[in-house]
Amino acid sequence: KRCPTLLLTSLVTMATQLTQEVTLTRRAGESVSISCGGTQPCAYSWIYWYQKKDTETFKAVLRFDTSNSEVYKGYGHPQQDEFSAENNQNGCELKLNKVQQEHAASYYCSCWVFISHFASF
């Protein structure tokens, strides 16, 4: 039985100057890691991963806390338990241990940077 080839794309999120791999192709059942680089400005903040299919709106997959490597998956994504994330030397990776047909999509990363403002009078 021949396994279908799945296309997963990862696009650049310009607002936060993060960089991502452009196109990854995997067969069903294989693993994949999608890199989100340039996350130095995101230190001590959250990196969000989103999935976008052609006919659907953006769906939040998970949030990765760069300060303690905790993963939050409470966004109701139908395959949320199949995704994980971790730090790597260049930033953050979204991981799928077993790619399935329903994972074929574009994936985006973004981050929120916490900035404290102090005023003196």
PDB file of N, CA and C in Angstrom:
ATOM      1  N   LYS A   1       0.845  -1.177   0.000  1.00  0.00           N
ATOM      2  CA  LYS A   1       0.000   0.000   0.000  1.00  0.00           C
ATOM      3  C   LYS A   1       0.888   1.238   0.000  1.00  0.00           C
ATOM      4  N   ARG A   2       0.600   2.160  -0.886  1.00  0.00           N
ATOM      5  CA  ARG A   2       1.410   3.357  -1.021  1.00  0.00           C
ATOM      6  C   ARG A   2       0.906   4.457  -0.087  1.00  0.00           C
ATOM      7  N   CYS A   3       1.827   5.080   0.637  1.00  0.00           N
ATOM      8  CA  CYS A   3       1.471   6.170   1.552  1.00  0.00           C
ATOM      9  C   CYS A   3       1.413   7.476   0.778  1.00  0.00           C
ATOM     10  N   PRO A   4       0.403   8.312   1.057  1.00  0.00           N
ATOM     11  CA  PRO A   4       0.352   9.607   0.379  1.00  0.00           C
ATOM     12  C   PRO A   4       1.466  10.520   0.885  1.00  0.00           C
ATOM     13  N   THR A   5       1.936  11.396   0.006  1.00  0.00           N
ATOM     14  CA  THR A   5       2.926  12.393   0.386  1.00  0.00           C
ATOM     15  C   THR A   5       2.193  13.640   0.843  1.00  0.00           C
ATOM     16  N   LEU A   6       2.582  14.175   2.002  1.00  0.00           N
ATOM     17  CA  LEU A   6       1.919  15.340   2.565  1.00  0.00           C
ATOM     18  C   LEU A   6       2.829  16.548   2.463  1.00  0.00           C
ATOM     19  N   LEU A   7       2.253  17.684   2.166  1.00  0.00           N
ATOM     20  CA  LEU A   7       3.004  18.927   2.056  1.00  0.00           C
ATOM     21  C   LEU A   7       2.690  19.796   3.264  1.00  0.00           C
ATOM     22  N   LEU A   8       3.739  20.161   3.978  1.00  0.00           N
ATOM     23  CA  LEU A   8       3.593  21.061   5.112  1.00  0.00           C
ATOM     24  C   LEU A   8       4.450  22.276   4.826  1.00  0.00           C
ATOM     25  N   THR A   9       3.864  23.439   4.848  1.00  0.00           N
ATOM     26  CA  THR A   9       4.636  24.645   4.583  1.00  0.00           C
ATOM     27  C   THR A   9       4.704  25.491   5.844  1.00  0.00           C
ATOM     28  N   SER A  10       5.764  26.225   5.940  1.00  0.00           N
ATOM     29  CA  SER A  10       5.990  27.079   7.090  1.00  0.00           C
ATOM     30  C   SER A  10       6.451  28.429   6.565  1.00  0.00           C
ATOM     31  N   LEU A  11       5.717  29.467   6.877  1.00  0.00           N
ATOM     32  CA  LEU A  11       5.970  30.762   6.282  1.00  0.00           C
ATOM     33  C   LEU A  11       6.513  31.752   7.304  1.00  0.00           C
ATOM     34  N   VAL A  12       7.164  32.793   6.811  1.00  0.00           N
ATOM     35  CA  VAL A  12       7.794  33.788   7.679  1.00  0.00           C
ATOM     36  C   VAL A  12       6.737  34.717   8.285  1.00  0.00           C
ATOM     37  N   THR A  13       6.837  34.944   9.575  1.00  0.00           N
ATOM     38  CA  THR A  13       5.992  35.905  10.255  1.00  0.00           C
ATOM     39  C   THR A  13       6.794  37.192  10.374  1.00  0.00           C
ATOM     40  N   MET A  14       6.531  38.158   9.511  1.00  0.00           N
ATOM     41  CA  MET A  14       7.368  39.342   9.403  1.00  0.00           C
ATOM     42  C   MET A  14       7.262  40.279  10.609  1.00  0.00           C
ATOM     43  N   ALA A  15       6.113  40.349  11.235  1.00  0.00           N
ATOM     44  CA  ALA A  15       5.932  41.331  12.305  1.00  0.00           C
ATOM     45  C   ALA A  15       6.900  41.116  13.456  1.00  0.00           C
ATOM     46  N   THR A  16       7.274  39.896  13.719  1.00  0.00           N
ATOM     47  CA  THR A  16       8.185  39.618  14.819  1.00  0.00           C
ATOM     48  C   THR A  16       9.578  39.234  14.330  1.00  0.00           C
ATOM     49  N   GLN A  17       9.809  39.312  13.017  1.00  0.00           N
ATOM     50  CA  GLN A  17      11.107  38.999  12.423  1.00  0.00           C
ATOM     51  C   GLN A  17      11.556  37.561  12.697  1.00  0.00           C
ATOM     52  N   LEU A  18      10.612  36.656  12.799  1.00  0.00           N
ATOM     53  CA  LEU A  18      10.958  35.252  12.963  1.00  0.00           C
ATOM     54  C   LEU A  18      11.179  34.644  11.586  1.00  0.00           C
ATOM     55  N   THR A  19      12.009  33.607  11.518  1.00  0.00           N
ATOM     56  CA  THR A  19      12.277  32.945  10.241  1.00  0.00           C
ATOM     57  C   THR A  19      11.874  31.488  10.344  1.00  0.00           C
ATOM     58  N   GLN A  20      11.379  30.951   9.235  1.00  0.00           N
ATOM     59  CA  GLN A  20      10.924  29.573   9.211  1.00  0.00           C
ATOM     60  C   GLN A  20      11.347  28.895   7.920  1.00  0.00           C
ATOM     61  N   GLU A  21      11.429  27.575   7.974  1.00  0.00           N
ATOM     62  CA  GLU A  21      11.660  26.799   6.769  1.00  0.00           C
ATOM     63  C   GLU A  21      10.470  27.015   5.846  1.00  0.00           C
ATOM     64  N   VAL A  22      10.699  26.889   4.550  1.00  0.00           N
ATOM     65  CA  VAL A  22       9.628  27.209   3.613  1.00  0.00           C
ATOM     66  C   VAL A  22       8.733  26.020   3.313  1.00  0.00           C
ATOM     67  N   THR A  23       9.280  24.886   2.899  1.00  0.00           N
ATOM     68  CA  THR A  23       8.447  23.750   2.532  1.00  0.00           C
ATOM     69  C   THR A  23       9.059  22.454   3.030  1.00  0.00           C
ATOM     70  N   LEU A  24       8.220  21.631   3.628  1.00  0.00           N
ATOM     71  CA  LEU A  24       8.636  20.303   4.079  1.00  0.00           C
ATOM     72  C   LEU A  24       7.660  19.287   3.515  1.00  0.00           C
ATOM     73  N   THR A  25       8.172  18.178   3.032  1.00  0.00           N
ATOM     74  CA  THR A  25       7.321  17.114   2.505  1.00  0.00           C
ATOM     75  C   THR A  25       7.616  15.836   3.276  1.00  0.00           C
ATOM     76  N   ARG A  26       6.566  15.202   3.762  1.00  0.00           N
ATOM     77  CA  ARG A  26       6.711  13.951   4.510  1.00  0.00           C
ATOM     78  C   ARG A  26       5.641  12.973   4.068  1.00  0.00           C
ATOM     79  N   ARG A  27       5.961  11.692   4.183  1.00  0.00           N
ATOM     80  CA  ARG A  27       4.968  10.646   3.939  1.00  0.00           C
ATOM     81  C   ARG A  27       4.204  10.390   5.232  1.00  0.00           C
ATOM     82  N   ALA A  28       2.977   9.913   5.084  1.00  0.00           N
ATOM     83  CA  ALA A  28       2.162   9.581   6.252  1.00  0.00           C
ATOM     84  C   ALA A  28       2.924   8.601   7.128  1.00  0.00           C
ATOM     85  N   GLY A  29       2.915   8.861   8.427  1.00  0.00           N
ATOM     86  CA  GLY A  29       3.602   8.004   9.388  1.00  0.00           C
ATOM     87  C   GLY A  29       4.994   8.473   9.751  1.00  0.00           C
ATOM     88  N   GLU A  30       5.580   9.373   8.957  1.00  0.00           N
ATOM     89  CA  GLU A  30       6.905   9.898   9.270  1.00  0.00           C
ATOM     90  C   GLU A  30       6.795  11.026  10.293  1.00  0.00           C
ATOM     91  N   SER A  31       7.923  11.398  10.873  1.00  0.00           N
ATOM     92  CA  SER A  31       7.949  12.520  11.811  1.00  0.00           C
ATOM     93  C   SER A  31       8.423  13.775  11.095  1.00  0.00           C
ATOM     94  N   VAL A  32       8.114  14.923  11.695  1.00  0.00           N
ATOM     95  CA  VAL A  32       8.545  16.200  11.118  1.00  0.00           C
ATOM     96  C   VAL A  32       8.757  17.200  12.241  1.00  0.00           C
ATOM     97  N   SER A  33       9.755  18.070  12.060  1.00  0.00           N
ATOM     98  CA  SER A  33      10.003  19.193  12.961  1.00  0.00           C
ATOM     99  C   SER A  33      10.043  20.449  12.116  1.00  0.00           C
ATOM    100  N   ILE A  34       9.252  21.441  12.494  1.00  0.00           N
ATOM    101  CA  ILE A  34       9.208  22.706  11.785  1.00  0.00           C
ATOM    102  C   ILE A  34       9.885  23.744  12.666  1.00  0.00           C
ATOM    103  N   SER A  35      10.898  24.380  12.128  1.00  0.00           N
ATOM    104  CA  SER A  35      11.706  25.294  12.911  1.00  0.00           C
ATOM    105  C   SER A  35      11.179  26.724  12.842  1.00  0.00           C
ATOM    106  N   CYS A  36      11.265  27.400  13.981  1.00  0.00           N
ATOM    107  CA  CYS A  36      10.953  28.827  14.064  1.00  0.00           C
ATOM    108  C   CYS A  36      12.184  29.500  14.624  1.00  0.00           C
ATOM    109  N   GLY A  37      12.980  30.112  13.751  1.00  0.00           N
ATOM    110  CA  GLY A  37      14.235  30.716  14.170  1.00  0.00           C
ATOM    111  C   GLY A  37      14.104  32.200  14.442  1.00  0.00           C
ATOM    112  N   GLY A  38      15.186  32.776  14.919  1.00  0.00           N
ATOM    113  CA  GLY A  38      15.213  34.199  15.208  1.00  0.00           C
ATOM    114  C   GLY A  38      14.384  34.571  16.411  1.00  0.00           C
ATOM    115  N   THR A  39      14.287  33.662  17.380  1.00  0.00           N
ATOM    116  CA  THR A  39      13.416  33.890  18.522  1.00  0.00           C
ATOM    117  C   THR A  39      14.101  34.603  19.682  1.00  0.00           C
ATOM    118  N   GLN A  40      15.318  35.105  19.462  1.00  0.00           N
ATOM    119  CA  GLN A  40      16.014  35.808  20.543  1.00  0.00           C
ATOM    120  C   GLN A  40      15.163  36.938  21.139  1.00  0.00           C
ATOM    121  N   PRO A  41      14.477  37.748  20.311  1.00  0.00           N
ATOM    122  CA  PRO A  41      13.613  38.783  20.897  1.00  0.00           C
ATOM    123  C   PRO A  41      12.440  38.199  21.685  1.00  0.00           C
ATOM    124  N   CYS A  42      12.165  36.916  21.501  1.00  0.00           N
ATOM    125  CA  CYS A  42      11.042  36.268  22.177  1.00  0.00           C
ATOM    126  C   CYS A  42      11.447  35.647  23.514  1.00  0.00           C
ATOM    127  N   ALA A  43      12.688  35.838  23.925  1.00  0.00           N
ATOM    128  CA  ALA A  43      13.138  35.256  25.191  1.00  0.00           C
ATOM    129  C   ALA A  43      12.219  35.708  26.319  1.00  0.00           C
ATOM    130  N   TYR A  44      11.904  34.787  27.191  1.00  0.00           N
ATOM    131  CA  TYR A  44      11.013  35.033  28.327  1.00  0.00           C
ATOM    132  C   TYR A  44       9.622  35.453  27.881  1.00  0.00           C
ATOM    133  N   SER A  45       9.190  34.858  26.783  1.00  0.00           N
ATOM    134  CA  SER A  45       7.833  35.123  26.301  1.00  0.00           C
ATOM    135  C   SER A  45       7.258  33.838  25.712  1.00  0.00           C
ATOM    136  N   TRP A  46       6.135  33.962  25.022  1.00  0.00           N
ATOM    137  CA  TRP A  46       5.451  32.811  24.448  1.00  0.00           C
ATOM    138  C   TRP A  46       5.590  32.803  22.933  1.00  0.00           C
ATOM    139  N   ILE A  47       5.798  31.610  22.386  1.00  0.00           N
ATOM    140  CA  ILE A  47       5.765  31.420  20.935  1.00  0.00           C
ATOM    141  C   ILE A  47       4.486  30.656  20.625  1.00  0.00           C
ATOM    142  N   TYR A  48       3.708  31.199  19.700  1.00  0.00           N
ATOM    143  CA  TYR A  48       2.451  30.585  19.298  1.00  0.00           C
ATOM    144  C   TYR A  48       2.632  29.904  17.947  1.00  0.00           C
ATOM    145  N   TRP A  49       2.040  28.728  17.807  1.00  0.00           N
ATOM    146  CA  TRP A  49       2.028  28.014  16.536  1.00  0.00           C
ATOM    147  C   TRP A  49       0.588  27.934  16.040  1.00  0.00           C
ATOM    148  N   TYR A  50       0.401  28.254  14.755  1.00  0.00           N
ATOM    149  CA  TYR A  50      -0.918  28.234  14.124  1.00  0.00           C
ATOM    150  C   TYR A  50      -0.892  27.335  12.894  1.00  0.00           C
ATOM    151  N   GLN A  51      -2.031  26.722  12.617  1.00  0.00           N
ATOM    152  CA  GLN A  51      -2.209  25.901  11.423  1.00  0.00           C
ATOM    153  C   GLN A  51      -3.202  26.613  10.511  1.00  0.00           C
ATOM    154  N   LYS A  52      -2.886  26.655   9.211  1.00  0.00           N
ATOM    155  CA  LYS A  52      -3.790  27.279   8.241  1.00  0.00           C
ATOM    156  C   LYS A  52      -3.973  26.363   7.047  1.00  0.00           C
ATOM    157  N   LYS A  53      -5.208  25.888   6.872  1.00  0.00           N
ATOM    158  CA  LYS A  53      -5.548  25.100   5.687  1.00  0.00           C
ATOM    159  C   LYS A  53      -6.237  26.020   4.688  1.00  0.00           C
ATOM    160  N   ASP A  54      -6.157  25.657   3.402  1.00  0.00           N
ATOM    161  CA  ASP A  54      -6.648  26.528   2.322  1.00  0.00           C
ATOM    162  C   ASP A  54      -8.054  27.061   2.559  1.00  0.00           C
ATOM    163  N   THR A  55      -8.965  26.223   2.978  1.00  0.00           N
ATOM    164  CA  THR A  55     -10.373  26.620   3.065  1.00  0.00           C
ATOM    165  C   THR A  55     -10.802  26.977   4.488  1.00  0.00           C
ATOM    166  N   GLU A  56      -9.843  27.101   5.395  1.00  0.00           N
ATOM    167  CA  GLU A  56     -10.190  27.355   6.798  1.00  0.00           C
ATOM    168  C   GLU A  56      -9.470  28.586   7.329  1.00  0.00           C
ATOM    169  N   THR A  57      -9.912  29.046   8.477  1.00  0.00           N
ATOM    170  CA  THR A  57      -9.235  30.150   9.146  1.00  0.00           C
ATOM    171  C   THR A  57      -8.057  29.604   9.952  1.00  0.00           C
ATOM    172  N   PHE A  58      -7.240  30.486  10.480  1.00  0.00           N
ATOM    173  CA  PHE A  58      -6.119  30.087  11.320  1.00  0.00           C
ATOM    174  C   PHE A  58      -6.635  29.378  12.567  1.00  0.00           C
ATOM    175  N   LYS A  59      -5.960  28.287  12.927  1.00  0.00           N
ATOM    176  CA  LYS A  59      -6.284  27.573  14.160  1.00  0.00           C
ATOM    177  C   LYS A  59      -5.043  27.539  15.037  1.00  0.00           C
ATOM    178  N   ALA A  60      -5.185  27.998  16.272  1.00  0.00           N
ATOM    179  CA  ALA A  60      -4.068  27.912  17.212  1.00  0.00           C
ATOM    180  C   ALA A  60      -3.831  26.448  17.553  1.00  0.00           C
ATOM    181  N   VAL A  61      -2.578  26.021  17.441  1.00  0.00           N
ATOM    182  CA  VAL A  61      -2.213  24.635  17.760  1.00  0.00           C
ATOM    183  C   VAL A  61      -1.730  24.552  19.201  1.00  0.00           C
ATOM    184  N   LEU A  62      -0.754  25.407  19.534  1.00  0.00           N
ATOM    185  CA  LEU A  62      -0.216  25.404  20.894  1.00  0.00           C
ATOM    186  C   LEU A  62       0.545  26.683  21.166  1.00  0.00           C
ATOM    187  N   ARG A  63       0.860  26.865  22.435  1.00  0.00           N
ATOM    188  CA  ARG A  63       1.692  27.985  22.886  1.00  0.00           C
ATOM    189  C   ARG A  63       2.873  27.403  23.642  1.00  0.00           C
ATOM    190  N   PHE A  64       4.068  27.895  23.314  1.00  0.00           N
ATOM    191  CA  PHE A  64       5.293  27.409  23.936  1.00  0.00           C
ATOM    192  C   PHE A  64       5.891  28.516  24.796  1.00  0.00           C
ATOM    193  N   ASP A  65       6.122  28.228  26.057  1.00  0.00           N
ATOM    194  CA  ASP A  65       6.694  29.200  26.985  1.00  0.00           C
ATOM    195  C   ASP A  65       8.214  29.077  26.932  1.00  0.00           C
ATOM    196  N   THR A  66       8.881  30.097  26.404  1.00  0.00           N
ATOM    197  CA  THR A  66      10.337  30.023  26.227  1.00  0.00           C
ATOM    198  C   THR A  66      11.095  30.072  27.548  1.00  0.00           C
ATOM    199  N   SER A  67      10.455  30.557  28.600  1.00  0.00           N
ATOM    200  CA  SER A  67      11.164  30.678  29.878  1.00  0.00           C
ATOM    201  C   SER A  67      11.279  29.359  30.628  1.00  0.00           C
ATOM    202  N   ASN A  68      10.300  28.450  30.428  1.00  0.00           N
ATOM    203  CA  ASN A  68      10.337  27.182  31.159  1.00  0.00           C
ATOM    204  C   ASN A  68      10.011  25.961  30.298  1.00  0.00           C
ATOM    205  N   SER A  69       9.895  26.150  28.995  1.00  0.00           N
ATOM    206  CA  SER A  69       9.629  25.082  28.017  1.00  0.00           C
ATOM    207  C   SER A  69       8.287  24.382  28.208  1.00  0.00           C
ATOM    208  N   GLU A  70       7.350  25.006  28.886  1.00  0.00           N
ATOM    209  CA  GLU A  70       6.022  24.415  29.035  1.00  0.00           C
ATOM    210  C   GLU A  70       5.200  24.629  27.768  1.00  0.00           C
ATOM    211  N   VAL A  71       4.387  23.633  27.440  1.00  0.00           N
ATOM    212  CA  VAL A  71       3.531  23.685  26.261  1.00  0.00           C
ATOM    213  C   VAL A  71       2.080  23.750  26.719  1.00  0.00           C
ATOM    214  N   TYR A  72       1.343  24.719  26.191  1.00  0.00           N
ATOM    215  CA  TYR A  72      -0.087  24.856  26.478  1.00  0.00           C
ATOM    216  C   TYR A  72      -0.862  24.483  25.221  1.00  0.00           C
ATOM    217  N   LYS A  73      -1.825  23.549  25.358  1.00  0.00           N
ATOM    218  CA  LYS A  73      -2.590  23.073  24.203  1.00  0.00           C
ATOM    219  C   LYS A  73      -4.093  23.292  24.354  1.00  0.00           C
ATOM    220  N   GLY A  74      -4.502  24.233  25.163  1.00  0.00           N
ATOM    221  CA  GLY A  74      -5.916  24.403  25.458  1.00  0.00           C
ATOM    222  C   GLY A  74      -6.711  25.223  24.463  1.00  0.00           C
ATOM    223  N   TYR A  75      -6.398  25.127  23.185  1.00  0.00           N
ATOM    224  CA  TYR A  75      -7.104  25.918  22.173  1.00  0.00           C
ATOM    225  C   TYR A  75      -8.169  25.120  21.427  1.00  0.00           C
ATOM    226  N   GLY A  76      -8.339  23.863  21.775  1.00  0.00           N
ATOM    227  CA  GLY A  76      -9.368  23.044  21.146  1.00  0.00           C
ATOM    228  C   GLY A  76      -9.030  22.543  19.754  1.00  0.00           C
ATOM    229  N   HIS A  77      -7.757  22.544  19.373  1.00  0.00           N
ATOM    230  CA  HIS A  77      -7.370  22.027  18.060  1.00  0.00           C
ATOM    231  C   HIS A  77      -7.665  20.527  18.025  1.00  0.00           C
ATOM    232  N   PRO A  78      -8.299  20.031  16.951  1.00  0.00           N
ATOM    233  CA  PRO A  78      -8.710  18.622  16.914  1.00  0.00           C
ATOM    234  C   PRO A  78      -7.570  17.605  17.013  1.00  0.00           C
ATOM    235  N   GLN A  79      -6.362  17.973  16.598  1.00  0.00           N
ATOM    236  CA  GLN A  79      -5.219  17.060  16.709  1.00  0.00           C
ATOM    237  C   GLN A  79      -4.202  17.554  17.740  1.00  0.00           C
ATOM    238  N   GLN A  80      -4.621  18.308  18.726  1.00  0.00           N
ATOM    239  CA  GLN A  80      -3.690  18.949  19.655  1.00  0.00           C
ATOM    240  C   GLN A  80      -2.735  17.979  20.338  1.00  0.00           C
ATOM    241  N   ASP A  81      -3.182  16.773  20.620  1.00  0.00           N
ATOM    242  CA  ASP A  81      -2.323  15.818  21.316  1.00  0.00           C
ATOM    243  C   ASP A  81      -1.229  15.232  20.433  1.00  0.00           C
ATOM    244  N   GLU A  82      -1.306  15.463  19.138  1.00  0.00           N
ATOM    245  CA  GLU A  82      -0.306  14.939  18.216  1.00  0.00           C
ATOM    246  C   GLU A  82       0.867  15.902  18.024  1.00  0.00           C
ATOM    247  N   PHE A  83       0.734  17.132  18.516  1.00  0.00           N
ATOM    248  CA  PHE A  83       1.773  18.153  18.376  1.00  0.00           C
ATOM    249  C   PHE A  83       2.544  18.329  19.677  1.00  0.00           C
ATOM    250  N   SER A  84       3.806  18.675  19.548  1.00  0.00           N
ATOM    251  CA  SER A  84       4.616  19.073  20.701  1.00  0.00           C
ATOM    252  C   SER A  84       5.561  20.172  20.235  1.00  0.00           C
ATOM    253  N   ALA A  85       6.269  20.780  21.179  1.00  0.00           N
ATOM    254  CA  ALA A  85       7.218  21.841  20.839  1.00  0.00           C
ATOM    255  C   ALA A  85       8.386  21.777  21.801  1.00  0.00           C
ATOM    256  N   GLU A  86       9.529  22.276  21.344  1.00  0.00           N
ATOM    257  CA  GLU A  86      10.698  22.323  22.205  1.00  0.00           C
ATOM    258  C   GLU A  86      11.672  23.382  21.701  1.00  0.00           C
ATOM    259  N   ASN A  87      12.567  23.799  22.582  1.00  0.00           N
ATOM    260  CA  ASN A  87      13.642  24.712  22.200  1.00  0.00           C
ATOM    261  C   ASN A  87      14.692  23.963  21.396  1.00  0.00           C
ATOM    262  N   ASN A  88      15.322  24.650  20.475  1.00  0.00           N
ATOM    263  CA  ASN A  88      16.522  24.123  19.833  1.00  0.00           C
ATOM    264  C   ASN A  88      17.563  25.232  19.815  1.00  0.00           C
ATOM    265  N   GLN A  89      18.714  24.989  19.235  1.00  0.00           N
ATOM    266  CA  GLN A  89      19.796  25.978  19.271  1.00  0.00           C
ATOM    267  C   GLN A  89      19.449  27.266  18.520  1.00  0.00           C
ATOM    268  N   ASN A  90      18.532  27.196  17.570  1.00  0.00           N
ATOM    269  CA  ASN A  90      18.188  28.379  16.772  1.00  0.00           C
ATOM    270  C   ASN A  90      16.860  29.017  17.159  1.00  0.00           C
ATOM    271  N   GLY A  91      16.088  28.375  18.025  1.00  0.00           N
ATOM    272  CA  GLY A  91      14.776  28.916  18.373  1.00  0.00           C
ATOM    273  C   GLY A  91      13.855  27.859  18.926  1.00  0.00           C
ATOM    274  N   CYS A  92      12.733  27.679  18.260  1.00  0.00           N
ATOM    275  CA  CYS A  92      11.697  26.749  18.718  1.00  0.00           C
ATOM    276  C   CYS A  92      11.293  25.841  17.565  1.00  0.00           C
ATOM    277  N   GLU A  93      10.920  24.602  17.888  1.00  0.00           N
ATOM    278  CA  GLU A  93      10.458  23.652  16.877  1.00  0.00           C
ATOM    279  C   GLU A  93       9.066  23.144  17.229  1.00  0.00           C
ATOM    280  N   LEU A  94       8.214  23.070  16.207  1.00  0.00           N
ATOM    281  CA  LEU A  94       6.937  22.378  16.314  1.00  0.00           C
ATOM    282  C   LEU A  94       7.176  20.969  15.816  1.00  0.00           C
ATOM    283  N   LYS A  95       6.742  19.961  16.575  1.00  0.00           N
ATOM    284  CA  LYS A  95       7.039  18.580  16.219  1.00  0.00           C
ATOM    285  C   LYS A  95       5.772  17.748  16.074  1.00  0.00           C
ATOM    286  N   LEU A  96       5.818  16.868  15.084  1.00  0.00           N
ATOM    287  CA  LEU A  96       4.782  15.859  14.881  1.00  0.00           C
ATOM    288  C   LEU A  96       5.488  14.519  14.774  1.00  0.00           C
ATOM    289  N   ASN A  97       5.182  13.597  15.665  1.00  0.00           N
ATOM    290  CA  ASN A  97       5.849  12.297  15.627  1.00  0.00           C
ATOM    291  C   ASN A  97       5.338  11.414  14.499  1.00  0.00           C
ATOM    292  N   LYS A  98       4.067  11.569  14.150  1.00  0.00           N
ATOM    293  CA  LYS A  98       3.469  10.729  13.112  1.00  0.00           C
ATOM    294  C   LYS A  98       2.556  11.588  12.241  1.00  0.00           C
ATOM    295  N   VAL A  99       3.065  12.018  11.091  1.00  0.00           N
ATOM    296  CA  VAL A  99       2.299  12.870  10.193  1.00  0.00           C
ATOM    297  C   VAL A  99       1.128  12.092   9.604  1.00  0.00           C
ATOM    298  N   GLN A 100      -0.038  12.725   9.609  1.00  0.00           N
ATOM    299  CA  GLN A 100      -1.243  12.147   9.024  1.00  0.00           C
ATOM    300  C   GLN A 100      -1.778  13.090   7.945  1.00  0.00           C
ATOM    301  N   GLN A 101      -2.686  12.606   7.125  1.00  0.00           N
ATOM    302  CA  GLN A 101      -3.248  13.398   6.031  1.00  0.00           C
ATOM    303  C   GLN A 101      -3.823  14.723   6.533  1.00  0.00           C
ATOM    304  N   GLU A 102      -4.491  14.709   7.682  1.00  0.00           N
ATOM    305  CA  GLU A 102      -5.132  15.928   8.181  1.00  0.00           C
ATOM    306  C   GLU A 102      -4.142  16.990   8.672  1.00  0.00           C
ATOM    307  N   HIS A 103      -2.842  16.659   8.728  1.00  0.00           N
ATOM    308  CA  HIS A 103      -1.829  17.625   9.127  1.00  0.00           C
ATOM    309  C   HIS A 103      -1.322  18.473   7.961  1.00  0.00           C
ATOM    310  N   ALA A 104      -1.666  18.119   6.736  1.00  0.00           N
ATOM    311  CA  ALA A 104      -1.212  18.878   5.569  1.00  0.00           C
ATOM    312  C   ALA A 104      -1.789  20.290   5.638  1.00  0.00           C
ATOM    313  N   ALA A 105      -0.904  21.285   5.787  1.00  0.00           N
ATOM    314  CA  ALA A 105      -1.336  22.665   5.993  1.00  0.00           C
ATOM    315  C   ALA A 105      -0.112  23.561   5.996  1.00  0.00           C
ATOM    316  N   SER A 106      -0.355  24.862   6.147  1.00  0.00           N
ATOM    317  CA  SER A 106       0.720  25.818   6.403  1.00  0.00           C
ATOM    318  C   SER A 106       0.754  26.081   7.903  1.00  0.00           C
ATOM    319  N   TYR A 107       1.968  26.215   8.444  1.00  0.00           N
ATOM    320  CA  TYR A 107       2.138  26.460   9.877  1.00  0.00           C
ATOM    321  C   TYR A 107       2.889  27.762  10.085  1.00  0.00           C
ATOM    322  N   TYR A 108       2.418  28.549  11.023  1.00  0.00           N
ATOM    323  CA  TYR A 108       2.982  29.862  11.295  1.00  0.00           C
ATOM    324  C   TYR A 108       3.396  29.958  12.762  1.00  0.00           C
ATOM    325  N   CYS A 109       4.503  30.615  13.002  1.00  0.00           N
ATOM    326  CA  CYS A 109       4.873  30.914  14.379  1.00  0.00           C
ATOM    327  C   CYS A 109       4.859  32.415  14.590  1.00  0.00           C
ATOM    328  N   SER A 110       4.566  32.815  15.798  1.00  0.00           N
ATOM    329  CA  SER A 110       4.633  34.228  16.176  1.00  0.00           C
ATOM    330  C   SER A 110       4.933  34.282  17.663  1.00  0.00           C
ATOM    331  N   CYS A 111       5.317  35.449  18.148  1.00  0.00           N
ATOM    332  CA  CYS A 111       5.558  35.543  19.582  1.00  0.00           C
ATOM    333  C   CYS A 111       5.059  36.858  20.134  1.00  0.00           C
ATOM    334  N   TRP A 112       4.774  36.835  21.410  1.00  0.00           N
ATOM    335  CA  TRP A 112       4.441  38.027  22.170  1.00  0.00           C
ATOM    336  C   TRP A 112       5.638  38.330  23.041  1.00  0.00           C
ATOM    337  N   VAL A 113       6.101  39.538  22.987  1.00  0.00           N
ATOM    338  CA  VAL A 113       7.244  39.934  23.804  1.00  0.00           C
ATOM    339  C   VAL A 113       6.727  40.781  24.953  1.00  0.00           C
ATOM    340  N   PHE A 114       7.057  40.376  26.173  1.00  0.00           N
ATOM    341  CA  PHE A 114       6.633  41.120  27.348  1.00  0.00           C
ATOM    342  C   PHE A 114       7.600  42.273  27.612  1.00  0.00           C
ATOM    343  N   ILE A 115       7.078  43.452  27.643  1.00  0.00           N
ATOM    344  CA  ILE A 115       7.909  44.632  27.896  1.00  0.00           C
ATOM    345  C   ILE A 115       7.310  45.388  29.075  1.00  0.00           C
ATOM    346  N   SER A 116       8.142  45.672  30.049  1.00  0.00           N
ATOM    347  CA  SER A 116       7.695  46.453  31.198  1.00  0.00           C
ATOM    348  C   SER A 116       8.040  47.918  30.970  1.00  0.00           C
ATOM    349  N   HIS A 117       7.104  48.779  31.223  1.00  0.00           N
ATOM    350  CA  HIS A 117       7.326  50.218  31.091  1.00  0.00           C
ATOM    351  C   HIS A 117       7.328  50.834  32.479  1.00  0.00           C
ATOM    352  N   PHE A 118       8.368  51.580  32.755  1.00  0.00           N
ATOM    353  CA  PHE A 118       8.478  52.244  34.052  1.00  0.00           C
ATOM    354  C   PHE A 118       8.437  53.750  33.831  1.00  0.00           C
ATOM    355  N   ALA A 119       7.704  54.421  34.662  1.00  0.00           N
ATOM    356  CA  ALA A 119       7.659  55.887  34.586  1.00  0.00           C
ATOM    357  C   ALA A 119       8.169  56.452  35.900  1.00  0.00           C
ATOM    358  N   SER A 120       8.967  57.469  35.788  1.00  0.00           N
ATOM    359  CA  SER A 120       9.443  58.124  37.006  1.00  0.00           C
ATOM    360  C   SER A 120       8.955  59.571  36.994  1.00  0.00           C
ATOM    361  N   PHE A 121       8.601  60.042  38.134  1.00  0.00           N
ATOM    362  CA  PHE A 121       8.059  61.396  38.253  1.00  0.00           C
ATOM    363  C   PHE A 121       8.925  62.213  39.187  1.00  0.00           C
TER     364      PHE A 121
END
